[in-house]
Amino acid sequence: MNELTFEEFGNLKIEYRMGITFDDGAFRIYRNDEHGLQVETHTKQNKRTGKWGKGKRYFLLDDDDRCFESSDQCYVAYMEKVCEVKHD
């Protein structure tokens, strides 16, 4: 893994890996294995009307227990990992 600008991080290619549809929504997973980035999209569906809501995205990094709700939060964590920044 190497340092990236925020723009480069935002333009990383992610590929669709899997998706599951439930009675009340759907779950999709996209990955970039080279950089250990996973993006998940969770979308609720109204069971009564069948209409889909707006999807919520979550960003995750391999070997990091946190879940980020925005790409900029994930980017900061990515750069901390790459630059080996330690937190007390």
PDB file of N, CA and C in Angstrom:
ATOM      1  N   MET A   1       0.845  -1.179   0.000  1.00  0.00           N
ATOM      2  CA  MET A   1       0.000   0.000   0.000  1.00  0.00           C
ATOM      3  C   MET A   1       0.886   1.236   0.000  1.00  0.00           C
ATOM      4  N   ASN A   2       0.515   2.205  -0.788  1.00  0.00           N
ATOM      5  CA  ASN A   2       1.276   3.436  -0.846  1.00  0.00           C
ATOM      6  C   ASN A   2       0.367   4.641  -0.632  1.00  0.00           C
ATOM      7  N   GLU A   3       1.006   5.753  -0.342  1.00  0.00           N
ATOM      8  CA  GLU A   3       0.255   6.982  -0.094  1.00  0.00           C
ATOM      9  C   GLU A   3      -0.524   7.384  -1.346  1.00  0.00           C
ATOM     10  N   LEU A   4      -1.729   7.907  -1.109  1.00  0.00           N
ATOM     11  CA  LEU A   4      -2.582   8.380  -2.192  1.00  0.00           C
ATOM     12  C   LEU A   4      -3.118   9.753  -1.831  1.00  0.00           C
ATOM     13  N   THR A   5      -3.387  10.568  -2.830  1.00  0.00           N
ATOM     14  CA  THR A   5      -4.116  11.802  -2.567  1.00  0.00           C
ATOM     15  C   THR A   5      -5.585  11.429  -2.346  1.00  0.00           C
ATOM     16  N   PHE A   6      -6.351  12.357  -1.799  1.00  0.00           N
ATOM     17  CA  PHE A   6      -7.771  12.085  -1.588  1.00  0.00           C
ATOM     18  C   PHE A   6      -8.464  11.816  -2.921  1.00  0.00           C
ATOM     19  N   GLU A   7      -8.051  12.544  -3.956  1.00  0.00           N
ATOM     20  CA  GLU A   7      -8.638  12.332  -5.274  1.00  0.00           C
ATOM     21  C   GLU A   7      -8.322  10.928  -5.796  1.00  0.00           C
ATOM     22  N   GLU A   8      -7.072  10.497  -5.657  1.00  0.00           N
ATOM     23  CA  GLU A   8      -6.694   9.147  -6.091  1.00  0.00           C
ATOM     24  C   GLU A   8      -7.466   8.085  -5.300  1.00  0.00           C
ATOM     25  N   PHE A   9      -7.603   8.313  -3.986  1.00  0.00           N
ATOM     26  CA  PHE A   9      -8.343   7.381  -3.141  1.00  0.00           C
ATOM     27  C   PHE A   9      -9.799   7.290  -3.600  1.00  0.00           C
ATOM     28  N   GLY A  10     -10.389   8.425  -3.907  1.00  0.00           N
ATOM     29  CA  GLY A  10     -11.779   8.455  -4.355  1.00  0.00           C
ATOM     30  C   GLY A  10     -11.993   7.828  -5.720  1.00  0.00           C
ATOM     31  N   ASN A  11     -10.926   7.723  -6.504  1.00  0.00           N
ATOM     32  CA  ASN A  11     -11.025   7.151  -7.851  1.00  0.00           C
ATOM     33  C   ASN A  11     -10.554   5.701  -7.928  1.00  0.00           C
ATOM     34  N   LEU A  12     -10.276   5.088  -6.769  1.00  0.00           N
ATOM     35  CA  LEU A  12      -9.870   3.686  -6.786  1.00  0.00           C
ATOM     36  C   LEU A  12     -10.973   2.842  -7.405  1.00  0.00           C
ATOM     37  N   LYS A  13     -10.570   1.903  -8.230  1.00  0.00           N
ATOM     38  CA  LYS A  13     -11.551   1.002  -8.836  1.00  0.00           C
ATOM     39  C   LYS A  13     -12.013   0.006  -7.784  1.00  0.00           C
ATOM     40  N   ILE A  14     -13.318  -0.112  -7.649  1.00  0.00           N
ATOM     41  CA  ILE A  14     -13.879  -1.123  -6.762  1.00  0.00           C
ATOM     42  C   ILE A  14     -14.765  -2.030  -7.604  1.00  0.00           C
ATOM     43  N   GLU A  15     -14.704  -3.315  -7.307  1.00  0.00           N
ATOM     44  CA  GLU A  15     -15.506  -4.244  -8.091  1.00  0.00           C
ATOM     45  C   GLU A  15     -16.591  -4.868  -7.233  1.00  0.00           C
ATOM     46  N   TYR A  16     -17.701  -5.105  -7.874  1.00  0.00           N
ATOM     47  CA  TYR A  16     -18.847  -5.726  -7.214  1.00  0.00           C
ATOM     48  C   TYR A  16     -18.478  -7.156  -6.841  1.00  0.00           C
ATOM     49  N   ARG A  17     -18.716  -7.527  -5.593  1.00  0.00           N
ATOM     50  CA  ARG A  17     -18.410  -8.880  -5.133  1.00  0.00           C
ATOM     51  C   ARG A  17     -19.651  -9.710  -4.850  1.00  0.00           C
ATOM     52  N   MET A  18     -20.609  -9.109  -4.181  1.00  0.00           N
ATOM     53  CA  MET A  18     -21.811  -9.880  -3.864  1.00  0.00           C
ATOM     54  C   MET A  18     -22.935  -8.974  -3.419  1.00  0.00           C
ATOM     55  N   GLY A  19     -24.122  -9.523  -3.476  1.00  0.00           N
ATOM     56  CA  GLY A  19     -25.282  -8.794  -3.008  1.00  0.00           C
ATOM     57  C   GLY A  19     -26.331  -9.758  -2.503  1.00  0.00           C
ATOM     58  N   ILE A  20     -27.083  -9.302  -1.545  1.00  0.00           N
ATOM     59  CA  ILE A  20     -28.150 -10.098  -0.962  1.00  0.00           C
ATOM     60  C   ILE A  20     -29.379  -9.208  -0.865  1.00  0.00           C
ATOM     61  N   THR A  21     -30.510  -9.747  -1.264  1.00  0.00           N
ATOM     62  CA  THR A  21     -31.765  -9.018  -1.136  1.00  0.00           C
ATOM     63  C   THR A  21     -32.640  -9.737  -0.122  1.00  0.00           C
ATOM     64  N   PHE A  22     -33.172  -8.968   0.822  1.00  0.00           N
ATOM     65  CA  PHE A  22     -34.052  -9.484   1.858  1.00  0.00           C
ATOM     66  C   PHE A  22     -35.460  -8.932   1.631  1.00  0.00           C
ATOM     67  N   ASP A  23     -36.379  -9.336   2.486  1.00  0.00           N
ATOM     68  CA  ASP A  23     -37.749  -8.824   2.397  1.00  0.00           C
ATOM     69  C   ASP A  23     -37.825  -7.320   2.598  1.00  0.00           C
ATOM     70  N   ASP A  24     -36.930  -6.795   3.428  1.00  0.00           N
ATOM     71  CA  ASP A  24     -37.010  -5.371   3.769  1.00  0.00           C
ATOM     72  C   ASP A  24     -35.830  -4.544   3.270  1.00  0.00           C
ATOM     73  N   GLY A  25     -35.020  -5.097   2.369  1.00  0.00           N
ATOM     74  CA  GLY A  25     -33.912  -4.309   1.859  1.00  0.00           C
ATOM     75  C   GLY A  25     -32.881  -5.140   1.113  1.00  0.00           C
ATOM     76  N   ALA A  26     -31.744  -4.519   0.841  1.00  0.00           N
ATOM     77  CA  ALA A  26     -30.668  -5.171   0.105  1.00  0.00           C
ATOM     78  C   ALA A  26     -29.320  -4.727   0.665  1.00  0.00           C
ATOM     79  N   PHE A  27     -28.317  -5.535   0.403  1.00  0.00           N
ATOM     80  CA  PHE A  27     -26.968  -5.340   0.906  1.00  0.00           C
ATOM     81  C   PHE A  27     -26.023  -5.661  -0.246  1.00  0.00           C
ATOM     82  N   ARG A  28     -25.110  -4.735  -0.580  1.00  0.00           N
ATOM     83  CA  ARG A  28     -24.155  -4.937  -1.667  1.00  0.00           C
ATOM     84  C   ARG A  28     -22.739  -4.703  -1.153  1.00  0.00           C
ATOM     85  N   ILE A  29     -21.791  -5.495  -1.670  1.00  0.00           N
ATOM     86  CA  ILE A  29     -20.385  -5.361  -1.273  1.00  0.00           C
ATOM     87  C   ILE A  29     -19.542  -5.117  -2.516  1.00  0.00           C
ATOM     88  N   TYR A  30     -18.660  -4.111  -2.427  1.00  0.00           N
ATOM     89  CA  TYR A  30     -17.699  -3.771  -3.466  1.00  0.00           C
ATOM     90  C   TYR A  30     -16.323  -3.752  -2.818  1.00  0.00           C
ATOM     91  N   ARG A  31     -15.265  -4.186  -3.559  1.00  0.00           N
ATOM     92  CA  ARG A  31     -13.933  -4.278  -2.971  1.00  0.00           C
ATOM     93  C   ARG A  31     -12.840  -3.771  -3.899  1.00  0.00           C
ATOM     94  N   ASN A  32     -11.764  -3.320  -3.255  1.00  0.00           N
ATOM     95  CA  ASN A  32     -10.486  -3.102  -3.903  1.00  0.00           C
ATOM     96  C   ASN A  32      -9.480  -3.831  -3.022  1.00  0.00           C
ATOM     97  N   ASP A  33      -9.080  -5.033  -3.450  1.00  0.00           N
ATOM     98  CA  ASP A  33      -8.197  -5.868  -2.632  1.00  0.00           C
ATOM     99  C   ASP A  33      -6.794  -5.277  -2.488  1.00  0.00           C
ATOM    100  N   GLU A  34      -6.314  -4.623  -3.528  1.00  0.00           N
ATOM    101  CA  GLU A  34      -4.957  -4.057  -3.495  1.00  0.00           C
ATOM    102  C   GLU A  34      -4.787  -3.071  -2.343  1.00  0.00           C
ATOM    103  N   HIS A  35      -5.811  -2.286  -2.064  1.00  0.00           N
ATOM    104  CA  HIS A  35      -5.743  -1.275  -1.018  1.00  0.00           C
ATOM    105  C   HIS A  35      -6.538  -1.649   0.226  1.00  0.00           C
ATOM    106  N   GLY A  36      -7.125  -2.840   0.241  1.00  0.00           N
ATOM    107  CA  GLY A  36      -7.864  -3.301   1.413  1.00  0.00           C
ATOM    108  C   GLY A  36      -9.106  -2.486   1.715  1.00  0.00           C
ATOM    109  N   LEU A  37      -9.751  -1.991   0.676  1.00  0.00           N
ATOM    110  CA  LEU A  37     -10.924  -1.131   0.827  1.00  0.00           C
ATOM    111  C   LEU A  37     -12.190  -1.909   0.490  1.00  0.00           C
ATOM    112  N   GLN A  38     -13.180  -1.793   1.344  1.00  0.00           N
ATOM    113  CA  GLN A  38     -14.485  -2.388   1.090  1.00  0.00           C
ATOM    114  C   GLN A  38     -15.552  -1.322   1.259  1.00  0.00           C
ATOM    115  N   VAL A  39     -16.472  -1.271   0.310  1.00  0.00           N
ATOM    116  CA  VAL A  39     -17.595  -0.338   0.366  1.00  0.00           C
ATOM    117  C   VAL A  39     -18.868  -1.174   0.373  1.00  0.00           C
ATOM    118  N   GLU A  40     -19.708  -0.916   1.360  1.00  0.00           N
ATOM    119  CA  GLU A  40     -20.971  -1.639   1.470  1.00  0.00           C
ATOM    120  C   GLU A  40     -22.115  -0.655   1.320  1.00  0.00           C
ATOM    121  N   THR A  41     -23.138  -1.085   0.608  1.00  0.00           N
ATOM    122  CA  THR A  41     -24.337  -0.273   0.449  1.00  0.00           C
ATOM    123  C   THR A  41     -25.515  -1.036   1.033  1.00  0.00           C
ATOM    124  N   HIS A  42     -26.213  -0.398   1.965  1.00  0.00           N
ATOM    125  CA  HIS A  42     -27.393  -0.976   2.601  1.00  0.00           C
ATOM    126  C   HIS A  42     -28.590  -0.134   2.171  1.00  0.00           C
ATOM    127  N   THR A  43     -29.590  -0.767   1.620  1.00  0.00           N
ATOM    128  CA  THR A  43     -30.767  -0.053   1.130  1.00  0.00           C
ATOM    129  C   THR A  43     -32.025  -0.696   1.697  1.00  0.00           C
ATOM    130  N   LYS A  44     -32.853   0.106   2.302  1.00  0.00           N
ATOM    131  CA  LYS A  44     -34.124  -0.378   2.863  1.00  0.00           C
ATOM    132  C   LYS A  44     -35.203  -0.348   1.786  1.00  0.00           C
ATOM    133  N   GLN A  45     -36.146  -1.277   1.921  1.00  0.00           N
ATOM    134  CA  GLN A  45     -37.295  -1.310   1.022  1.00  0.00           C
ATOM    135  C   GLN A  45     -38.566  -1.342   1.865  1.00  0.00           C
ATOM    136  N   ASN A  46     -39.513  -0.515   1.486  1.00  0.00           N
ATOM    137  CA  ASN A  46     -40.795  -0.487   2.176  1.00  0.00           C
ATOM    138  C   ASN A  46     -41.569  -1.744   1.770  1.00  0.00           C
ATOM    139  N   LYS A  47     -41.817  -2.630   2.724  1.00  0.00           N
ATOM    140  CA  LYS A  47     -42.481  -3.899   2.428  1.00  0.00           C
ATOM    141  C   LYS A  47     -43.897  -3.698   1.904  1.00  0.00           C
ATOM    142  N   ARG A  48     -44.557  -2.664   2.371  1.00  0.00           N
ATOM    143  CA  ARG A  48     -45.950  -2.421   1.971  1.00  0.00           C
ATOM    144  C   ARG A  48     -46.042  -1.896   0.539  1.00  0.00           C
ATOM    145  N   THR A  49     -45.195  -0.917   0.188  1.00  0.00           N
ATOM    146  CA  THR A  49     -45.282  -0.293  -1.133  1.00  0.00           C
ATOM    147  C   THR A  49     -44.290  -0.879  -2.145  1.00  0.00           C
ATOM    148  N   GLY A  50     -43.241  -1.532  -1.645  1.00  0.00           N
ATOM    149  CA  GLY A  50     -42.220  -2.072  -2.540  1.00  0.00           C
ATOM    150  C   GLY A  50     -41.224  -1.039  -3.023  1.00  0.00           C
ATOM    151  N   LYS A  51     -41.350   0.211  -2.565  1.00  0.00           N
ATOM    152  CA  LYS A  51     -40.433   1.276  -2.994  1.00  0.00           C
ATOM    153  C   LYS A  51     -39.118   1.192  -2.226  1.00  0.00           C
ATOM    154  N   TRP A  52     -38.039   1.471  -2.957  1.00  0.00           N
ATOM    155  CA  TRP A  52     -36.702   1.454  -2.362  1.00  0.00           C
ATOM    156  C   TRP A  52     -36.365   2.819  -1.784  1.00  0.00           C
ATOM    157  N   GLY A  53     -35.708   2.807  -0.639  1.00  0.00           N
ATOM    158  CA  GLY A  53     -35.230   4.035  -0.024  1.00  0.00           C
ATOM    159  C   GLY A  53     -33.862   4.394  -0.565  1.00  0.00           C
ATOM    160  N   LYS A  54     -33.307   5.440  -0.025  1.00  0.00           N
ATOM    161  CA  LYS A  54     -31.964   5.867  -0.422  1.00  0.00           C
ATOM    162  C   LYS A  54     -30.951   4.955   0.269  1.00  0.00           C
ATOM    163  N   GLY A  55     -29.986   4.473  -0.480  1.00  0.00           N
ATOM    164  CA  GLY A  55     -28.958   3.587   0.075  1.00  0.00           C
ATOM    165  C   GLY A  55     -27.992   4.326   0.993  1.00  0.00           C
ATOM    166  N   LYS A  56     -27.501   3.632   1.981  1.00  0.00           N
ATOM    167  CA  LYS A  56     -26.508   4.169   2.916  1.00  0.00           C
ATOM    168  C   LYS A  56     -25.192   3.445   2.652  1.00  0.00           C
ATOM    169  N   ARG A  57     -24.115   4.204   2.479  1.00  0.00           N
ATOM    170  CA  ARG A  57     -22.803   3.617   2.190  1.00  0.00           C
ATOM    171  C   ARG A  57     -21.949   3.578   3.447  1.00  0.00           C
ATOM    172  N   TYR A  58     -21.199   2.503   3.558  1.00  0.00           N
ATOM    173  CA  TYR A  58     -20.251   2.327   4.653  1.00  0.00           C
ATOM    174  C   TYR A  58     -18.907   1.942   4.049  1.00  0.00           C
ATOM    175  N   PHE A  59     -17.832   2.491   4.621  1.00  0.00           N
ATOM    176  CA  PHE A  59     -16.482   2.270   4.125  1.00  0.00           C
ATOM    177  C   PHE A  59     -15.694   1.527   5.199  1.00  0.00           C
ATOM    178  N   LEU A  60     -15.004   0.465   4.789  1.00  0.00           N
ATOM    179  CA  LEU A  60     -14.236  -0.340   5.728  1.00  0.00           C
ATOM    180  C   LEU A  60     -12.850  -0.599   5.158  1.00  0.00           C
ATOM    181  N   LEU A  61     -11.879  -0.768   6.062  1.00  0.00           N
ATOM    182  CA  LEU A  61     -10.519  -1.110   5.669  1.00  0.00           C
ATOM    183  C   LEU A  61     -10.146  -2.450   6.298  1.00  0.00           C
ATOM    184  N   ASP A  62      -9.397  -3.243   5.568  1.00  0.00           N
ATOM    185  CA  ASP A  62      -8.922  -4.498   6.118  1.00  0.00           C
ATOM    186  C   ASP A  62      -8.102  -4.230   7.384  1.00  0.00           C
ATOM    187  N   ASP A  63      -8.213  -5.103   8.362  1.00  0.00           N
ATOM    188  CA  ASP A  63      -7.479  -5.014   9.631  1.00  0.00           C
ATOM    189  C   ASP A  63      -7.788  -3.747  10.424  1.00  0.00           C
ATOM    190  N   ASP A  64      -8.963  -3.193  10.258  1.00  0.00           N
ATOM    191  CA  ASP A  64      -9.413  -2.024  11.015  1.00  0.00           C
ATOM    192  C   ASP A  64     -10.853  -2.309  11.437  1.00  0.00           C
ATOM    193  N   ASP A  65     -11.117  -2.278  12.728  1.00  0.00           N
ATOM    194  CA  ASP A  65     -12.440  -2.628  13.250  1.00  0.00           C
ATOM    195  C   ASP A  65     -13.487  -1.535  13.061  1.00  0.00           C
ATOM    196  N   ARG A  66     -13.050  -0.354  12.651  1.00  0.00           N
ATOM    197  CA  ARG A  66     -13.989   0.765  12.515  1.00  0.00           C
ATOM    198  C   ARG A  66     -14.773   0.683  11.210  1.00  0.00           C
ATOM    199  N   CYS A  67     -15.926   1.319  11.229  1.00  0.00           N
ATOM    200  CA  CYS A  67     -16.784   1.445  10.055  1.00  0.00           C
ATOM    201  C   CYS A  67     -16.985   2.940   9.826  1.00  0.00           C
ATOM    202  N   PHE A  68     -16.685   3.415   8.618  1.00  0.00           N
ATOM    203  CA  PHE A  68     -16.736   4.839   8.328  1.00  0.00           C
ATOM    204  C   PHE A  68     -17.959   5.155   7.472  1.00  0.00           C
ATOM    205  N   GLU A  69     -18.591   6.273   7.779  1.00  0.00           N
ATOM    206  CA  GLU A  69     -19.789   6.663   7.047  1.00  0.00           C
ATOM    207  C   GLU A  69     -19.499   7.637   5.915  1.00  0.00           C
ATOM    208  N   SER A  70     -18.244   8.016   5.752  1.00  0.00           N
ATOM    209  CA  SER A  70     -17.884   8.903   4.650  1.00  0.00           C
ATOM    210  C   SER A  70     -16.506   8.517   4.120  1.00  0.00           C
ATOM    211  N   SER A  71     -16.286   8.815   2.854  1.00  0.00           N
ATOM    212  CA  SER A  71     -15.012   8.464   2.226  1.00  0.00           C
ATOM    213  C   SER A  71     -13.851   9.257   2.823  1.00  0.00           C
ATOM    214  N   ASP A  72     -14.109  10.492   3.271  1.00  0.00           N
ATOM    215  CA  ASP A  72     -13.000  11.274   3.842  1.00  0.00           C
ATOM    216  C   ASP A  72     -12.542  10.701   5.177  1.00  0.00           C
ATOM    217  N   GLN A  73     -13.460  10.192   5.991  1.00  0.00           N
ATOM    218  CA  GLN A  73     -13.076   9.535   7.248  1.00  0.00           C
ATOM    219  C   GLN A  73     -12.246   8.283   6.955  1.00  0.00           C
ATOM    220  N   CYS A  74     -12.668   7.521   5.957  1.00  0.00           N
ATOM    221  CA  CYS A  74     -11.953   6.310   5.578  1.00  0.00           C
ATOM    222  C   CYS A  74     -10.569   6.655   5.016  1.00  0.00           C
ATOM    223  N   TYR A  75     -10.487   7.720   4.251  1.00  0.00           N
ATOM    224  CA  TYR A  75      -9.208   8.147   3.686  1.00  0.00           C
ATOM    225  C   TYR A  75      -8.206   8.497   4.786  1.00  0.00           C
ATOM    226  N   VAL A  76      -8.647   9.208   5.797  1.00  0.00           N
ATOM    227  CA  VAL A  76      -7.763   9.561   6.913  1.00  0.00           C
ATOM    228  C   VAL A  76      -7.242   8.287   7.577  1.00  0.00           C
ATOM    229  N   ALA A  77      -8.123   7.328   7.815  1.00  0.00           N
ATOM    230  CA  ALA A  77      -7.712   6.059   8.427  1.00  0.00           C
ATOM    231  C   ALA A  77      -6.752   5.299   7.512  1.00  0.00           C
ATOM    232  N   TYR A  78      -7.014   5.331   6.211  1.00  0.00           N
ATOM    233  CA  TYR A  78      -6.130   4.677   5.243  1.00  0.00           C
ATOM    234  C   TYR A  78      -4.730   5.286   5.307  1.00  0.00           C
ATOM    235  N   MET A  79      -4.652   6.609   5.295  1.00  0.00           N
ATOM    236  CA  MET A  79      -3.351   7.274   5.327  1.00  0.00           C
ATOM    237  C   MET A  79      -2.634   7.043   6.655  1.00  0.00           C
ATOM    238  N   GLU A  80      -3.376   6.994   7.752  1.00  0.00           N
ATOM    239  CA  GLU A  80      -2.757   6.671   9.045  1.00  0.00           C
ATOM    240  C   GLU A  80      -2.134   5.278   8.997  1.00  0.00           C
ATOM    241  N   LYS A  81      -2.825   4.362   8.364  1.00  0.00           N
ATOM    242  CA  LYS A  81      -2.331   2.985   8.244  1.00  0.00           C
ATOM    243  C   LYS A  81      -1.079   2.947   7.363  1.00  0.00           C
ATOM    244  N   VAL A  82      -1.133   3.612   6.216  1.00  0.00           N
ATOM    245  CA  VAL A  82      -0.021   3.628   5.289  1.00  0.00           C
ATOM    246  C   VAL A  82       1.208   4.294   5.912  1.00  0.00           C
ATOM    247  N   CYS A  83       0.981   5.385   6.626  1.00  0.00           N
ATOM    248  CA  CYS A  83       2.084   6.151   7.229  1.00  0.00           C
ATOM    249  C   CYS A  83       2.466   5.627   8.611  1.00  0.00           C
ATOM    250  N   GLU A  84       1.796   4.549   9.049  1.00  0.00           N
ATOM    251  CA  GLU A  84       2.063   3.909  10.340  1.00  0.00           C
ATOM    252  C   GLU A  84       1.951   4.874  11.512  1.00  0.00           C
ATOM    253  N   VAL A  85       0.893   5.690  11.493  1.00  0.00           N
ATOM    254  CA  VAL A  85       0.606   6.604  12.585  1.00  0.00           C
ATOM    255  C   VAL A  85       0.021   5.790  13.735  1.00  0.00           C
ATOM    256  N   LYS A  86       0.589   5.927  14.910  1.00  0.00           N
ATOM    257  CA  LYS A  86       0.126   5.195  16.087  1.00  0.00           C
ATOM    258  C   LYS A  86      -0.679   6.130  16.979  1.00  0.00           C
ATOM    259  N   HIS A  87      -1.753   5.601  17.579  1.00  0.00           N
ATOM    260  CA  HIS A  87      -2.585   6.352  18.508  1.00  0.00           C
ATOM    261  C   HIS A  87      -2.440   5.765  19.897  1.00  0.00           C
ATOM    262  N   ASP A  88      -2.421   6.621  20.897  1.00  0.00           N
ATOM    263  CA  ASP A  88      -2.321   6.119  22.279  1.00  0.00           C
ATOM    264  C   ASP A  88      -3.655   5.661  22.792  1.00  0.00           C
TER     265      ASP A  88
END
